[in-house]
C-alpha cells in the first residue's frame, strides 16, 4: 500500500505536466523567432500515434512557412517584374516561378519540437526554419529552368543581383 501511494505521488506531477503542455505550448509557438537569415513556421498536430501527430505538425508548419515565404518571393521577384513588364508571357512565367517556389519549400529544418501526451492523445508542436538564401536559390533555379525567361533576363542587373544573393 505504501508503494502505491508513493508511486501515485510521483506520477501525479508527471501527468499534470503532460496535460499542461497542450494548454501551455512552448514560448516559440506564441512568439516565433525572427531573423535576417531565416524564415520560421510553427505547426501543431495531434493523434493517438506519435508519428502521425508529428507528421501533421510538420505539414501544418510547412503551410505556415509557405504563407510567410510568399511575400519574400514577391519581394525577390519584384525586380524582375520591371524587366518583363511589357511581355505577357514572361509575366505569367514569373507568376509560375513564384508559385513553384512557394509550393516547394527546400532545405527546411526542424529547429524545435515539443511533445505532450494527455489521456492517450499525443500533441506535437514543431518550429521549422528555412534559410532566406534558399528562397533566392530556388527562384534562380526556377528561372534557369525556363529558357525563355532566363534568356530575357539573364543579362539584367536585377537577375545578376538575385543570382549573387543565391550564392
N, C-alpha and C. Protein backbone atom coordinates (compact mmCIF):
# COMPACT_ATOMS: atom_id res chain seq x y z
N UNK A 1 0.83 -1.20 0.00
CA UNK A 1 0.00 0.00 0.00
C UNK A 1 0.87 1.26 0.00
N UNK A 2 1.94 1.20 0.78
CA UNK A 2 2.83 2.34 0.86
C UNK A 2 3.47 2.63 -0.50
N UNK A 3 3.84 1.57 -1.23
CA UNK A 3 4.44 1.74 -2.56
C UNK A 3 3.46 2.37 -3.54
N UNK A 4 2.21 1.98 -3.46
CA UNK A 4 1.19 2.54 -4.35
C UNK A 4 1.05 4.03 -4.10
N UNK A 5 1.00 4.41 -2.85
CA UNK A 5 0.86 5.83 -2.50
C UNK A 5 2.09 6.61 -2.97
N UNK A 6 3.26 6.06 -2.77
CA UNK A 6 4.49 6.73 -3.23
C UNK A 6 4.50 6.81 -4.75
N UNK A 7 4.09 5.74 -5.43
CA UNK A 7 4.02 5.74 -6.89
C UNK A 7 3.08 6.80 -7.40
N UNK A 8 1.92 6.91 -6.80
CA UNK A 8 0.94 7.93 -7.20
C UNK A 8 1.51 9.32 -6.95
N UNK A 9 2.22 9.49 -5.86
CA UNK A 9 2.83 10.76 -5.51
C UNK A 9 3.79 11.23 -6.62
N UNK A 10 4.53 10.28 -7.21
CA UNK A 10 5.47 10.64 -8.28
C UNK A 10 4.80 10.77 -9.65
N UNK A 11 3.73 10.06 -9.89
CA UNK A 11 3.06 10.08 -11.19
C UNK A 11 2.21 11.33 -11.38
N UNK A 12 1.57 11.81 -10.33
CA UNK A 12 0.66 12.96 -10.44
C UNK A 12 1.36 14.19 -11.04
N UNK A 13 2.55 14.58 -10.58
CA UNK A 13 3.19 15.75 -11.21
C UNK A 13 3.50 15.53 -12.69
N UNK A 14 3.88 14.29 -13.06
CA UNK A 14 4.17 13.99 -14.45
C UNK A 14 2.93 14.12 -15.32
N UNK A 15 1.82 13.56 -14.88
CA UNK A 15 0.56 13.63 -15.62
C UNK A 15 0.11 15.09 -15.72
N UNK A 16 0.23 15.82 -14.64
CA UNK A 16 -0.17 17.23 -14.65
C UNK A 16 0.67 18.01 -15.66
N UNK A 17 1.97 17.71 -15.72
CA UNK A 17 2.84 18.40 -16.67
C UNK A 17 2.45 18.07 -18.10
N UNK A 18 2.14 16.81 -18.38
CA UNK A 18 1.73 16.42 -19.73
C UNK A 18 0.45 17.13 -20.13
N UNK A 19 -0.49 17.23 -19.22
CA UNK A 19 -1.75 17.89 -19.54
C UNK A 19 -1.56 19.39 -19.72
N UNK A 20 -0.66 19.97 -18.97
CA UNK A 20 -0.42 21.41 -19.09
C UNK A 20 0.29 21.75 -20.40
N UNK A 21 1.00 20.79 -20.99
CA UNK A 21 1.74 21.05 -22.21
C UNK A 21 0.86 21.50 -23.36
N UNK A 22 -0.28 20.86 -23.53
CA UNK A 22 -1.17 21.21 -24.63
C UNK A 22 -1.76 22.59 -24.41
N UNK A 23 -2.10 22.88 -23.17
CA UNK A 23 -2.69 24.18 -22.86
C UNK A 23 -1.64 25.28 -22.74
N UNK A 24 -0.41 24.89 -22.48
CA UNK A 24 0.69 25.85 -22.34
C UNK A 24 1.80 25.49 -23.33
N UNK A 25 1.62 25.82 -24.59
CA UNK A 25 2.65 25.48 -25.58
C UNK A 25 3.94 26.26 -25.31
N UNK A 26 5.05 25.80 -25.89
CA UNK A 26 6.33 26.49 -25.70
C UNK A 26 6.25 27.95 -26.16
N UNK A 27 7.14 28.75 -25.65
CA UNK A 27 7.17 30.18 -25.97
C UNK A 27 7.32 30.44 -27.47
N UNK A 28 8.10 29.60 -28.16
CA UNK A 28 8.32 29.82 -29.59
C UNK A 28 7.06 29.58 -30.42
N UNK A 29 6.04 28.94 -29.85
CA UNK A 29 4.76 28.79 -30.55
C UNK A 29 4.04 30.13 -30.57
N UNK A 30 4.04 30.79 -29.42
CA UNK A 30 3.36 32.09 -29.32
C UNK A 30 4.16 33.20 -29.99
N UNK A 31 5.48 33.14 -29.87
CA UNK A 31 6.37 34.17 -30.41
C UNK A 31 7.50 33.51 -31.20
N UNK A 32 7.25 33.14 -32.46
CA UNK A 32 8.31 32.52 -33.25
C UNK A 32 9.51 33.46 -33.40
N UNK A 33 10.70 32.90 -33.50
CA UNK A 33 11.88 33.76 -33.64
C UNK A 33 11.85 34.53 -34.96
N UNK A 34 12.60 35.59 -35.00
CA UNK A 34 12.77 36.36 -36.23
C UNK A 34 14.26 36.44 -36.52
N UNK A 35 14.59 36.53 -37.79
CA UNK A 35 15.99 36.54 -38.18
C UNK A 35 16.11 37.12 -39.58
N UNK A 36 17.27 37.69 -39.88
CA UNK A 36 17.53 38.18 -41.23
C UNK A 36 17.94 37.04 -42.15
N UNK A 37 18.35 35.92 -41.56
CA UNK A 37 18.84 34.79 -42.35
C UNK A 37 17.79 33.72 -42.60
N UNK A 38 16.78 33.61 -41.73
CA UNK A 38 15.82 32.52 -41.81
C UNK A 38 14.38 33.00 -41.70
N UNK A 39 13.47 32.19 -42.25
CA UNK A 39 12.04 32.38 -42.06
C UNK A 39 11.56 31.17 -41.27
N UNK A 40 10.64 31.38 -40.34
CA UNK A 40 10.18 30.31 -39.46
C UNK A 40 8.70 30.03 -39.63
N UNK A 41 8.34 28.76 -39.44
CA UNK A 41 6.95 28.34 -39.46
C UNK A 41 6.67 27.46 -38.25
N UNK A 42 5.49 27.61 -37.68
CA UNK A 42 5.09 26.84 -36.50
C UNK A 42 3.91 25.95 -36.88
N UNK A 43 3.94 24.71 -36.37
CA UNK A 43 2.84 23.80 -36.66
C UNK A 43 2.45 22.98 -35.45
N UNK A 44 1.23 22.45 -35.50
CA UNK A 44 0.67 21.65 -34.41
C UNK A 44 -0.04 20.45 -35.01
N UNK A 45 0.14 19.30 -34.38
CA UNK A 45 -0.57 18.09 -34.80
C UNK A 45 -0.91 17.24 -33.61
N UNK A 46 -2.01 16.51 -33.71
CA UNK A 46 -2.42 15.64 -32.61
C UNK A 46 -2.95 14.33 -33.17
N UNK A 47 -2.70 13.24 -32.44
CA UNK A 47 -3.16 11.91 -32.82
C UNK A 47 -2.91 10.97 -31.65
N UNK A 48 -3.40 9.76 -31.78
CA UNK A 48 -3.07 8.74 -30.78
C UNK A 48 -1.73 8.10 -31.11
N UNK A 49 -1.19 8.41 -32.28
CA UNK A 49 0.08 7.87 -32.75
C UNK A 49 1.08 9.03 -32.87
N UNK A 50 2.24 8.89 -32.24
CA UNK A 50 3.21 9.98 -32.22
C UNK A 50 3.69 10.34 -33.63
N UNK A 51 3.97 9.35 -34.46
CA UNK A 51 4.45 9.62 -35.81
C UNK A 51 3.42 10.42 -36.61
N UNK A 52 2.16 10.05 -36.50
CA UNK A 52 1.11 10.77 -37.22
C UNK A 52 0.98 12.19 -36.68
N UNK A 53 1.02 12.34 -35.36
CA UNK A 53 0.93 13.68 -34.76
C UNK A 53 2.08 14.56 -35.25
N UNK A 54 3.27 13.98 -35.32
CA UNK A 54 4.42 14.76 -35.77
C UNK A 54 4.31 15.12 -37.25
N UNK A 55 3.85 14.19 -38.07
CA UNK A 55 3.67 14.48 -39.50
C UNK A 55 2.64 15.59 -39.70
N UNK A 56 1.56 15.55 -38.92
CA UNK A 56 0.55 16.61 -39.01
C UNK A 56 1.15 17.96 -38.62
N UNK A 57 1.96 17.95 -37.56
CA UNK A 57 2.59 19.20 -37.10
C UNK A 57 3.54 19.75 -38.15
N UNK A 58 4.32 18.88 -38.78
CA UNK A 58 5.26 19.32 -39.82
C UNK A 58 4.50 19.87 -41.02
N UNK A 59 3.43 19.19 -41.42
CA UNK A 59 2.62 19.67 -42.54
C UNK A 59 2.02 21.04 -42.21
N UNK A 60 1.51 21.20 -41.00
CA UNK A 60 0.94 22.47 -40.57
C UNK A 60 2.02 23.57 -40.56
N UNK A 61 3.21 23.22 -40.10
CA UNK A 61 4.32 24.18 -40.07
C UNK A 61 4.73 24.57 -41.49
N UNK A 62 4.71 23.62 -42.42
CA UNK A 62 5.04 23.93 -43.81
C UNK A 62 4.02 24.88 -44.43
N UNK A 63 2.75 24.69 -44.11
CA UNK A 63 1.72 25.61 -44.60
C UNK A 63 1.97 27.00 -44.03
N UNK A 64 2.26 27.06 -42.73
CA UNK A 64 2.55 28.34 -42.09
C UNK A 64 3.78 29.00 -42.71
N UNK A 65 4.81 28.20 -42.98
CA UNK A 65 6.02 28.72 -43.60
C UNK A 65 5.75 29.22 -45.02
N UNK A 66 4.96 28.47 -45.78
CA UNK A 66 4.64 28.88 -47.16
C UNK A 66 3.93 30.22 -47.18
N UNK A 67 3.06 30.45 -46.20
CA UNK A 67 2.37 31.75 -46.12
C UNK A 67 3.37 32.88 -45.88
N UNK A 68 4.43 32.59 -45.15
CA UNK A 68 5.44 33.61 -44.87
C UNK A 68 6.44 33.75 -46.02
N UNK A 69 6.64 32.67 -46.77
CA UNK A 69 7.57 32.71 -47.90
C UNK A 69 6.99 33.52 -49.06
N UNK A 70 5.69 33.48 -49.23
CA UNK A 70 5.05 34.17 -50.36
C UNK A 70 5.45 35.65 -50.45
N UNK A 71 5.34 36.44 -49.38
CA UNK A 71 5.76 37.85 -49.51
C UNK A 71 7.25 38.00 -49.83
N UNK A 72 8.07 37.10 -49.29
CA UNK A 72 9.50 37.16 -49.58
C UNK A 72 9.76 36.88 -51.06
N UNK A 73 9.06 35.91 -51.62
CA UNK A 73 9.22 35.59 -53.04
C UNK A 73 8.76 36.76 -53.91
N UNK A 74 7.67 37.37 -53.54
CA UNK A 74 7.18 38.53 -54.29
C UNK A 74 8.20 39.67 -54.25
N UNK A 75 8.77 39.91 -53.09
CA UNK A 75 9.79 40.94 -52.96
C UNK A 75 11.00 40.62 -53.82
N UNK A 76 11.45 39.37 -53.75
CA UNK A 76 12.63 38.95 -54.51
C UNK A 76 12.40 39.08 -56.01
N UNK A 77 11.22 38.69 -56.47
CA UNK A 77 10.95 38.70 -57.91
C UNK A 77 10.43 40.04 -58.42
N UNK A 78 10.18 40.98 -57.54
CA UNK A 78 9.64 42.28 -57.99
C UNK A 78 10.62 43.02 -58.90
N UNK A 79 11.92 42.82 -58.68
CA UNK A 79 12.91 43.44 -59.56
C UNK A 79 12.80 42.89 -60.98
N UNK A 80 12.47 41.63 -61.09
CA UNK A 80 12.33 41.00 -62.41
C UNK A 80 11.07 41.51 -63.10
N UNK A 81 10.04 41.81 -62.32
CA UNK A 81 8.79 42.33 -62.90
C UNK A 81 9.04 43.54 -63.79
N UNK A 82 9.91 44.42 -63.35
CA UNK A 82 10.16 45.63 -64.13
C UNK A 82 10.85 45.32 -65.46
N UNK A 83 11.59 44.22 -65.51
CA UNK A 83 12.28 43.83 -66.74
C UNK A 83 11.31 43.23 -67.75
N UNK A 84 10.33 42.46 -67.27
CA UNK A 84 9.42 41.73 -68.18
C UNK A 84 8.05 42.39 -68.30
N UNK A 85 7.92 43.62 -67.83
CA UNK A 85 6.61 44.26 -67.70
C UNK A 85 5.80 44.36 -68.99
N UNK A 86 6.43 44.37 -70.14
CA UNK A 86 5.70 44.50 -71.40
C UNK A 86 5.46 43.17 -72.11
N UNK A 87 5.87 42.08 -71.51
CA UNK A 87 5.73 40.77 -72.14
C UNK A 87 4.78 39.91 -71.31
N UNK A 88 3.58 39.71 -71.82
CA UNK A 88 2.53 38.99 -71.09
C UNK A 88 2.97 37.56 -70.76
N UNK A 89 3.64 36.89 -71.70
CA UNK A 89 4.07 35.51 -71.48
C UNK A 89 5.10 35.45 -70.35
N UNK A 90 6.07 36.35 -70.37
CA UNK A 90 7.09 36.35 -69.33
C UNK A 90 6.52 36.74 -67.97
N UNK A 91 5.56 37.63 -67.96
CA UNK A 91 4.89 37.99 -66.69
C UNK A 91 4.24 36.76 -66.09
N UNK A 92 3.58 35.97 -66.92
CA UNK A 92 2.94 34.74 -66.43
C UNK A 92 3.98 33.74 -65.96
N UNK A 93 5.11 33.67 -66.62
CA UNK A 93 6.17 32.75 -66.21
C UNK A 93 6.74 33.16 -64.84
N UNK A 94 6.86 34.44 -64.59
CA UNK A 94 7.32 34.91 -63.27
C UNK A 94 6.30 34.51 -62.20
N UNK A 95 5.02 34.61 -62.51
CA UNK A 95 3.98 34.17 -61.56
C UNK A 95 4.11 32.68 -61.26
N UNK A 96 4.38 31.90 -62.29
CA UNK A 96 4.56 30.46 -62.10
C UNK A 96 5.78 30.18 -61.22
N UNK A 97 6.86 30.91 -61.46
CA UNK A 97 8.06 30.77 -60.62
C UNK A 97 7.71 31.03 -59.16
N UNK A 98 6.96 32.10 -58.91
CA UNK A 98 6.56 32.43 -57.54
C UNK A 98 5.79 31.28 -56.89
N UNK A 99 4.83 30.74 -57.62
CA UNK A 99 4.01 29.66 -57.05
C UNK A 99 4.82 28.40 -56.81
N UNK A 100 5.74 28.07 -57.72
CA UNK A 100 6.56 26.87 -57.56
C UNK A 100 7.46 26.99 -56.34
N UNK A 101 8.07 28.15 -56.18
CA UNK A 101 8.97 28.36 -55.04
C UNK A 101 8.19 28.24 -53.74
N UNK A 102 7.01 28.82 -53.71
CA UNK A 102 6.19 28.77 -52.51
C UNK A 102 5.72 27.34 -52.23
N UNK A 103 5.42 26.58 -53.27
CA UNK A 103 4.90 25.22 -53.10
C UNK A 103 5.99 24.21 -52.77
N UNK A 104 7.22 24.49 -53.18
CA UNK A 104 8.30 23.53 -52.95
C UNK A 104 9.32 24.15 -51.99
N UNK A 105 9.04 24.07 -50.73
CA UNK A 105 9.94 24.62 -49.72
C UNK A 105 11.15 23.69 -49.61
N UNK A 106 12.32 24.22 -49.92
CA UNK A 106 13.53 23.40 -49.93
C UNK A 106 14.42 23.72 -48.74
N UNK A 107 15.09 22.67 -48.27
CA UNK A 107 16.06 22.78 -47.17
C UNK A 107 15.46 23.36 -45.90
N UNK A 108 14.28 22.89 -45.55
CA UNK A 108 13.71 23.28 -44.26
C UNK A 108 14.31 22.38 -43.18
N UNK A 109 14.31 22.86 -41.98
CA UNK A 109 14.91 22.14 -40.87
C UNK A 109 14.02 22.29 -39.64
N UNK A 110 13.83 21.20 -38.91
CA UNK A 110 13.08 21.30 -37.65
C UNK A 110 14.03 21.86 -36.60
N UNK A 111 13.73 23.06 -36.13
CA UNK A 111 14.58 23.72 -35.14
C UNK A 111 14.18 23.34 -33.72
N UNK A 112 12.88 23.25 -33.46
CA UNK A 112 12.38 22.90 -32.13
C UNK A 112 11.22 21.92 -32.27
N UNK A 113 11.04 21.12 -31.22
CA UNK A 113 9.93 20.17 -31.19
C UNK A 113 9.50 20.01 -29.73
N UNK A 114 8.20 19.97 -29.52
CA UNK A 114 7.67 19.72 -28.17
C UNK A 114 6.56 18.68 -28.29
N UNK A 115 6.63 17.66 -27.45
CA UNK A 115 5.66 16.56 -27.49
C UNK A 115 4.99 16.46 -26.13
N UNK A 116 3.65 16.35 -26.15
CA UNK A 116 2.88 16.22 -24.92
C UNK A 116 1.88 15.08 -25.09
N UNK A 117 1.63 14.38 -24.00
CA UNK A 117 0.63 13.31 -24.03
C UNK A 117 -0.43 13.59 -22.99
N UNK A 118 -1.68 13.37 -23.38
CA UNK A 118 -2.81 13.59 -22.48
C UNK A 118 -3.86 12.52 -22.76
N UNK A 119 -4.05 11.60 -21.85
CA UNK A 119 -5.05 10.53 -21.97
C UNK A 119 -4.94 9.78 -23.30
N UNK A 120 -3.74 9.43 -23.68
CA UNK A 120 -3.55 8.66 -24.91
C UNK A 120 -3.46 9.49 -26.18
N UNK A 121 -3.74 10.78 -26.11
CA UNK A 121 -3.61 11.67 -27.27
C UNK A 121 -2.24 12.34 -27.21
N UNK A 122 -1.55 12.29 -28.29
CA UNK A 122 -0.23 12.90 -28.36
C UNK A 122 -0.33 14.18 -29.18
N UNK A 123 0.19 15.25 -28.63
CA UNK A 123 0.20 16.55 -29.30
C UNK A 123 1.64 16.94 -29.55
N UNK A 124 1.90 17.41 -30.76
CA UNK A 124 3.25 17.79 -31.14
C UNK A 124 3.23 19.21 -31.71
N UNK A 125 4.17 20.02 -31.24
CA UNK A 125 4.42 21.34 -31.81
C UNK A 125 5.79 21.28 -32.48
N UNK A 126 5.91 21.88 -33.65
CA UNK A 126 7.22 21.97 -34.30
C UNK A 126 7.46 23.39 -34.78
N UNK A 127 8.72 23.76 -34.77
CA UNK A 127 9.19 25.03 -35.31
C UNK A 127 10.16 24.67 -36.43
N UNK A 128 9.84 25.07 -37.65
CA UNK A 128 10.75 24.80 -38.76
C UNK A 128 11.34 26.11 -39.25
N UNK A 129 12.52 25.99 -39.83
CA UNK A 129 13.19 27.17 -40.37
C UNK A 129 13.64 26.89 -41.80
N UNK A 130 13.71 27.95 -42.56
CA UNK A 130 14.20 27.87 -43.94
C UNK A 130 15.08 29.08 -44.18
N UNK A 131 16.32 28.86 -44.62
CA UNK A 131 17.19 29.99 -44.91
C UNK A 131 16.63 30.83 -46.07
N UNK A 132 16.66 32.13 -45.90
CA UNK A 132 16.19 33.03 -46.96
C UNK A 132 17.03 32.84 -48.22
N UNK A 133 18.29 32.50 -48.03
CA UNK A 133 19.17 32.24 -49.17
C UNK A 133 18.60 31.11 -50.04
N UNK A 134 17.92 30.13 -49.41
CA UNK A 134 17.31 29.03 -50.17
C UNK A 134 16.16 29.53 -51.05
N UNK A 135 15.46 30.54 -50.58
CA UNK A 135 14.39 31.11 -51.39
C UNK A 135 15.00 31.75 -52.63
N UNK A 136 16.06 32.53 -52.44
CA UNK A 136 16.75 33.15 -53.57
C UNK A 136 17.25 32.08 -54.54
N UNK A 137 17.86 31.03 -53.98
CA UNK A 137 18.41 29.95 -54.81
C UNK A 137 17.30 29.25 -55.59
N UNK A 138 16.18 29.03 -54.95
CA UNK A 138 15.05 28.37 -55.61
C UNK A 138 14.50 29.23 -56.74
N UNK A 139 14.40 30.54 -56.52
CA UNK A 139 13.93 31.44 -57.58
C UNK A 139 14.90 31.40 -58.76
N UNK A 140 16.19 31.47 -58.49
CA UNK A 140 17.19 31.42 -59.56
C UNK A 140 17.10 30.10 -60.31
N UNK A 141 16.96 28.99 -59.59
CA UNK A 141 16.85 27.68 -60.24
C UNK A 141 15.61 27.59 -61.14
N UNK A 142 14.49 28.12 -60.66
CA UNK A 142 13.27 28.09 -61.47
C UNK A 142 13.42 28.94 -62.73
N UNK A 143 14.07 30.08 -62.59
CA UNK A 143 14.29 30.95 -63.76
C UNK A 143 15.23 30.26 -64.74
N UNK A 144 16.29 29.66 -64.23
CA UNK A 144 17.26 28.97 -65.08
C UNK A 144 16.60 27.82 -65.84
N UNK A 145 15.67 27.15 -65.21
CA UNK A 145 14.97 26.03 -65.86
C UNK A 145 14.07 26.47 -67.01
N UNK A 146 13.65 27.73 -67.00
CA UNK A 146 12.78 28.25 -68.06
C UNK A 146 13.65 29.07 -69.02
N UNK A 147 14.03 28.47 -70.13
CA UNK A 147 14.98 29.10 -71.06
C UNK A 147 14.50 30.45 -71.60
N UNK A 148 13.21 30.56 -71.91
CA UNK A 148 12.69 31.84 -72.42
C UNK A 148 12.85 32.95 -71.38
N UNK A 149 12.45 32.65 -70.17
CA UNK A 149 12.55 33.64 -69.09
C UNK A 149 14.01 33.95 -68.80
N UNK A 150 14.83 32.91 -68.72
CA UNK A 150 16.25 33.10 -68.45
C UNK A 150 16.91 33.97 -69.52
N UNK A 151 16.66 33.65 -70.79
CA UNK A 151 17.26 34.44 -71.88
C UNK A 151 16.81 35.89 -71.85
N UNK A 152 15.60 36.14 -71.41
CA UNK A 152 15.07 37.50 -71.37
C UNK A 152 15.68 38.34 -70.25
N UNK A 153 16.08 37.69 -69.16
CA UNK A 153 16.54 38.48 -68.01
C UNK A 153 17.96 38.19 -67.55
N UNK A 154 18.63 37.21 -68.12
CA UNK A 154 19.94 36.77 -67.62
C UNK A 154 20.98 37.88 -67.57
N UNK A 155 20.92 38.80 -68.48
CA UNK A 155 21.94 39.85 -68.54
C UNK A 155 21.53 41.13 -67.82
N UNK A 156 20.39 41.10 -67.17
CA UNK A 156 19.92 42.30 -66.47
C UNK A 156 20.57 42.43 -65.10
N UNK A 157 20.62 43.64 -64.65
CA UNK A 157 21.17 43.93 -63.32
C UNK A 157 20.33 43.24 -62.24
N UNK A 158 19.03 43.21 -62.42
CA UNK A 158 18.13 42.59 -61.43
C UNK A 158 18.44 41.11 -61.26
N UNK A 159 18.62 40.40 -62.36
CA UNK A 159 18.91 38.96 -62.27
C UNK A 159 20.29 38.72 -61.68
N UNK A 160 21.27 39.49 -62.08
CA UNK A 160 22.62 39.31 -61.55
C UNK A 160 22.65 39.54 -60.05
N UNK A 161 21.90 40.52 -59.60
CA UNK A 161 21.81 40.80 -58.17
C UNK A 161 21.16 39.62 -57.44
N UNK A 162 20.09 39.09 -58.02
CA UNK A 162 19.41 37.93 -57.43
C UNK A 162 20.33 36.72 -57.39
N UNK A 163 21.06 36.48 -58.47
CA UNK A 163 21.98 35.34 -58.54
C UNK A 163 23.08 35.46 -57.49
N UNK A 164 23.58 36.68 -57.25
CA UNK A 164 24.60 36.89 -56.21
C UNK A 164 24.06 36.53 -54.83
N UNK A 165 22.81 36.93 -54.56
CA UNK A 165 22.21 36.65 -53.25
C UNK A 165 21.97 35.15 -53.05
N UNK A 166 21.84 34.42 -54.14
CA UNK A 166 21.56 32.99 -54.06
C UNK A 166 22.81 32.17 -53.75
N UNK A 167 23.98 32.76 -53.90
CA UNK A 167 25.23 32.02 -53.67
C UNK A 167 25.59 31.96 -52.22
